[in-house]
Amino acid sequence: MESTSLPQLVEQHLDRAREAGPGRSAHTLHGGRDHALRQTLIALAGGRSLGEHESPGEATLQVLHGRVRLHADGETWEGGPGDHLLVPPTRHDLEAVEDAAVLLTVAVHGVPGT
């Protein structure tokens, strides 16, 4: 059985995000080619964002640290630690209001390669 300390991982990746040119760092906790479930920790330095992009499929976002804003279809959602959001199935962007980390969970329908 594998276990991960999310607070420890958040701090590690926030440090990396603050030092990185794009202001972000990510780590896949679970997933890959042979899995239908993918979980990725994404850390963003305050004021930075993931530019507008397509929805990855059925997905949720849980805020682990800081504050974020998600923009989609002319609407804005703002969340803080402990908040959970169903990611809309449309183009959207995510910005860090302050240093932030989120857990993105994506369900891939069917396991690729089978």
C-alpha atoms as a PDB file:
ATOM      1  CA  MET A   1       0.000   0.000   0.000  1.00  0.00           C
ATOM      2  CA  GLU A   2       1.383   3.392  -1.003  1.00  0.00           C
ATOM      3  CA  SER A   3       0.930   6.546   1.033  1.00  0.00           C
ATOM      4  CA  THR A   4       1.785  10.158   0.182  1.00  0.00           C
ATOM      5  CA  SER A   5       2.003  13.153   2.498  1.00  0.00           C
ATOM      6  CA  LEU A   6       0.040  15.788   0.592  1.00  0.00           C
ATOM      7  CA  PRO A   7       1.144  18.696   2.836  1.00  0.00           C
ATOM      8  CA  GLN A   8       4.787  17.733   2.283  1.00  0.00           C
ATOM      9  CA  LEU A   9       4.280  17.375  -1.468  1.00  0.00           C
ATOM     10  CA  VAL A  10       2.459  20.731  -1.607  1.00  0.00           C
ATOM     11  CA  GLU A  11       5.361  22.549   0.078  1.00  0.00           C
ATOM     12  CA  GLN A  12       7.924  20.847  -2.172  1.00  0.00           C
ATOM     13  CA  HIS A  13       6.073  21.797  -5.361  1.00  0.00           C
ATOM     14  CA  LEU A  14       5.222  25.315  -4.214  1.00  0.00           C
ATOM     15  CA  ASP A  15       8.966  25.869  -3.721  1.00  0.00           C
ATOM     16  CA  ARG A  16       9.579  24.584  -7.256  1.00  0.00           C
ATOM     17  CA  ALA A  17       6.766  26.727  -8.689  1.00  0.00           C
ATOM     18  CA  ARG A  18       8.166  29.881  -7.068  1.00  0.00           C
ATOM     19  CA  GLU A  19      11.570  29.202  -8.649  1.00  0.00           C
ATOM     20  CA  ALA A  20      10.326  28.100 -12.083  1.00  0.00           C
ATOM     21  CA  GLY A  21       9.998  30.572 -14.953  1.00  0.00           C
ATOM     22  CA  PRO A  22       6.363  29.660 -15.703  1.00  0.00           C
ATOM     23  CA  GLY A  23       5.529  29.739 -11.980  1.00  0.00           C
ATOM     24  CA  ARG A  24       4.169  26.215 -11.785  1.00  0.00           C
ATOM     25  CA  SER A  25       5.090  22.669 -10.863  1.00  0.00           C
ATOM     26  CA  ALA A  26       3.143  19.424 -11.170  1.00  0.00           C
ATOM     27  CA  HIS A  27       3.421  15.867  -9.939  1.00  0.00           C
ATOM     28  CA  THR A  28       1.323  12.864 -10.948  1.00  0.00           C
ATOM     29  CA  LEU A  29       0.325  10.988  -7.812  1.00  0.00           C
ATOM     30  CA  HIS A  30      -1.530   8.225  -9.590  1.00  0.00           C
ATOM     31  CA  GLY A  31      -2.209   7.358 -13.184  1.00  0.00           C
ATOM     32  CA  GLY A  32      -0.537   6.826 -16.448  1.00  0.00           C
ATOM     33  CA  ARG A  33      -1.112   4.675 -19.474  1.00  0.00           C
ATOM     34  CA  ASP A  34      -2.619   1.704 -17.672  1.00  0.00           C
ATOM     35  CA  HIS A  35      -5.003   3.575 -15.385  1.00  0.00           C
ATOM     36  CA  ALA A  36      -8.474   5.012 -15.856  1.00  0.00           C
ATOM     37  CA  LEU A  37      -8.003   7.386 -12.897  1.00  0.00           C
ATOM     38  CA  ARG A  38      -5.344  10.109 -12.916  1.00  0.00           C
ATOM     39  CA  GLN A  39      -4.486  12.399 -10.020  1.00  0.00           C
ATOM     40  CA  THR A  40      -2.081  15.297 -10.393  1.00  0.00           C
ATOM     41  CA  LEU A  41      -0.945  17.830  -7.833  1.00  0.00           C
ATOM     42  CA  ILE A  42      -0.510  21.244  -9.491  1.00  0.00           C
ATOM     43  CA  ALA A  43       1.269  24.068  -7.659  1.00  0.00           C
ATOM     44  CA  LEU A  44       1.074  27.659  -8.915  1.00  0.00           C
ATOM     45  CA  ALA A  45       2.938  30.701  -7.648  1.00  0.00           C
ATOM     46  CA  GLY A  46       0.638  33.596  -6.763  1.00  0.00           C
ATOM     47  CA  GLY A  47      -0.473  35.594  -9.795  1.00  0.00           C
ATOM     48  CA  ARG A  48       0.356  32.794 -12.238  1.00  0.00           C
ATOM     49  CA  SER A  49      -2.106  30.706 -14.198  1.00  0.00           C
ATOM     50  CA  LEU A  50      -2.659  27.715 -16.404  1.00  0.00           C
ATOM     51  CA  GLY A  51      -3.769  29.398 -19.619  1.00  0.00           C
ATOM     52  CA  GLU A  52      -7.091  28.598 -21.173  1.00  0.00           C
ATOM     53  CA  HIS A  53      -7.271  24.951 -22.174  1.00  0.00           C
ATOM     54  CA  GLU A  54      -9.742  22.214 -23.053  1.00  0.00           C
ATOM     55  CA  SER A  55     -11.339  20.175 -20.326  1.00  0.00           C
ATOM     56  CA  PRO A  56      -9.427  16.912 -19.758  1.00  0.00           C
ATOM     57  CA  GLY A  57     -12.683  14.961 -19.589  1.00  0.00           C
ATOM     58  CA  GLU A  58     -14.612  14.202 -16.429  1.00  0.00           C
ATOM     59  CA  ALA A  59     -12.571  15.927 -13.729  1.00  0.00           C
ATOM     60  CA  THR A  60     -12.637  17.436 -10.255  1.00  0.00           C
ATOM     61  CA  LEU A  61     -10.417  19.986  -8.574  1.00  0.00           C
ATOM     62  CA  GLN A  62      -9.715  20.082  -4.836  1.00  0.00           C
ATOM     63  CA  VAL A  63      -7.908  23.092  -3.387  1.00  0.00           C
ATOM     64  CA  LEU A  64      -5.184  21.953  -0.996  1.00  0.00           C
ATOM     65  CA  HIS A  65      -3.447  25.287  -0.306  1.00  0.00           C
ATOM     66  CA  GLY A  66      -4.007  28.976  -1.086  1.00  0.00           C
ATOM     67  CA  ARG A  67      -6.728  30.496  -3.244  1.00  0.00           C
ATOM     68  CA  VAL A  68      -7.527  29.886  -6.912  1.00  0.00           C
ATOM     69  CA  ARG A  69      -9.983  31.154  -9.511  1.00  0.00           C
ATOM     70  CA  LEU A  70     -11.375  29.057 -12.318  1.00  0.00           C
ATOM     71  CA  HIS A  71     -12.893  30.894 -15.297  1.00  0.00           C
ATOM     72  CA  ALA A  72     -15.230  29.119 -17.727  1.00  0.00           C
ATOM     73  CA  ASP A  73     -18.097  30.224 -19.961  1.00  0.00           C
ATOM     74  CA  GLY A  74     -18.083  33.783 -18.574  1.00  0.00           C
ATOM     75  CA  GLU A  75     -18.370  32.543 -14.995  1.00  0.00           C
ATOM     76  CA  THR A  76     -15.784  32.620 -12.214  1.00  0.00           C
ATOM     77  CA  TRP A  77     -15.412  30.279  -9.247  1.00  0.00           C
ATOM     78  CA  GLU A  78     -13.049  31.087  -6.392  1.00  0.00           C
ATOM     79  CA  GLY A  79     -11.966  28.499  -3.876  1.00  0.00           C
ATOM     80  CA  GLY A  80      -9.691  27.963  -0.921  1.00  0.00           C
ATOM     81  CA  PRO A  81      -8.364  25.025   1.105  1.00  0.00           C
ATOM     82  CA  GLY A  82     -10.868  22.195   1.324  1.00  0.00           C
ATOM     83  CA  ASP A  83     -13.060  23.459  -1.532  1.00  0.00           C
ATOM     84  CA  HIS A  84     -13.970  20.982  -4.250  1.00  0.00           C
ATOM     85  CA  LEU A  85     -15.213  21.695  -7.765  1.00  0.00           C
ATOM     86  CA  LEU A  86     -16.470  19.663 -10.679  1.00  0.00           C
ATOM     87  CA  VAL A  87     -14.404  21.012 -13.584  1.00  0.00           C
ATOM     88  CA  PRO A  88     -16.747  22.213 -16.342  1.00  0.00           C
ATOM     89  CA  PRO A  89     -16.533  20.267 -19.618  1.00  0.00           C
ATOM     90  CA  THR A  90     -15.609  23.449 -21.538  1.00  0.00           C
ATOM     91  CA  ARG A  91     -12.496  25.540 -22.146  1.00  0.00           C
ATOM     92  CA  HIS A  92     -11.331  27.108 -18.906  1.00  0.00           C
ATOM     93  CA  ASP A  93      -8.341  28.559 -17.118  1.00  0.00           C
ATOM     94  CA  LEU A  94      -7.081  28.390 -13.556  1.00  0.00           C
ATOM     95  CA  GLU A  95      -5.280  31.241 -11.804  1.00  0.00           C
ATOM     96  CA  ALA A  96      -3.587  31.386  -8.424  1.00  0.00           C
ATOM     97  CA  VAL A  97      -4.839  34.369  -6.413  1.00  0.00           C
ATOM     98  CA  GLU A  98      -1.960  33.572  -4.038  1.00  0.00           C
ATOM     99  CA  ASP A  99       0.505  30.687  -3.898  1.00  0.00           C
ATOM    100  CA  ALA A 100      -1.760  27.683  -4.358  1.00  0.00           C
ATOM    101  CA  ALA A 101      -1.855  23.936  -4.860  1.00  0.00           C
ATOM    102  CA  VAL A 102      -4.721  21.834  -6.183  1.00  0.00           C
ATOM    103  CA  LEU A 103      -5.372  18.153  -6.715  1.00  0.00           C
ATOM    104  CA  LEU A 104      -6.757  17.488 -10.196  1.00  0.00           C
ATOM    105  CA  THR A 105      -8.534  14.151 -10.570  1.00  0.00           C
ATOM    106  CA  VAL A 106      -9.441  12.988 -14.068  1.00  0.00           C
ATOM    107  CA  ALA A 107     -11.417   9.896 -15.037  1.00  0.00           C
ATOM    108  CA  VAL A 108     -10.444   8.476 -18.396  1.00  0.00           C
ATOM    109  CA  HIS A 109     -13.294   6.403 -19.801  1.00  0.00           C
ATOM    110  CA  GLY A 110     -11.886   2.933 -20.227  1.00  0.00           C
ATOM    111  CA  VAL A 111      -8.273   2.074 -19.636  1.00  0.00           C
ATOM    112  CA  PRO A 112      -6.114   3.167 -22.579  1.00  0.00           C
ATOM    113  CA  GLY A 113      -4.430   0.357 -24.456  1.00  0.00           C
ATOM    114  CA  THR A 114      -7.048  -2.278 -23.673  1.00  0.00           C
END
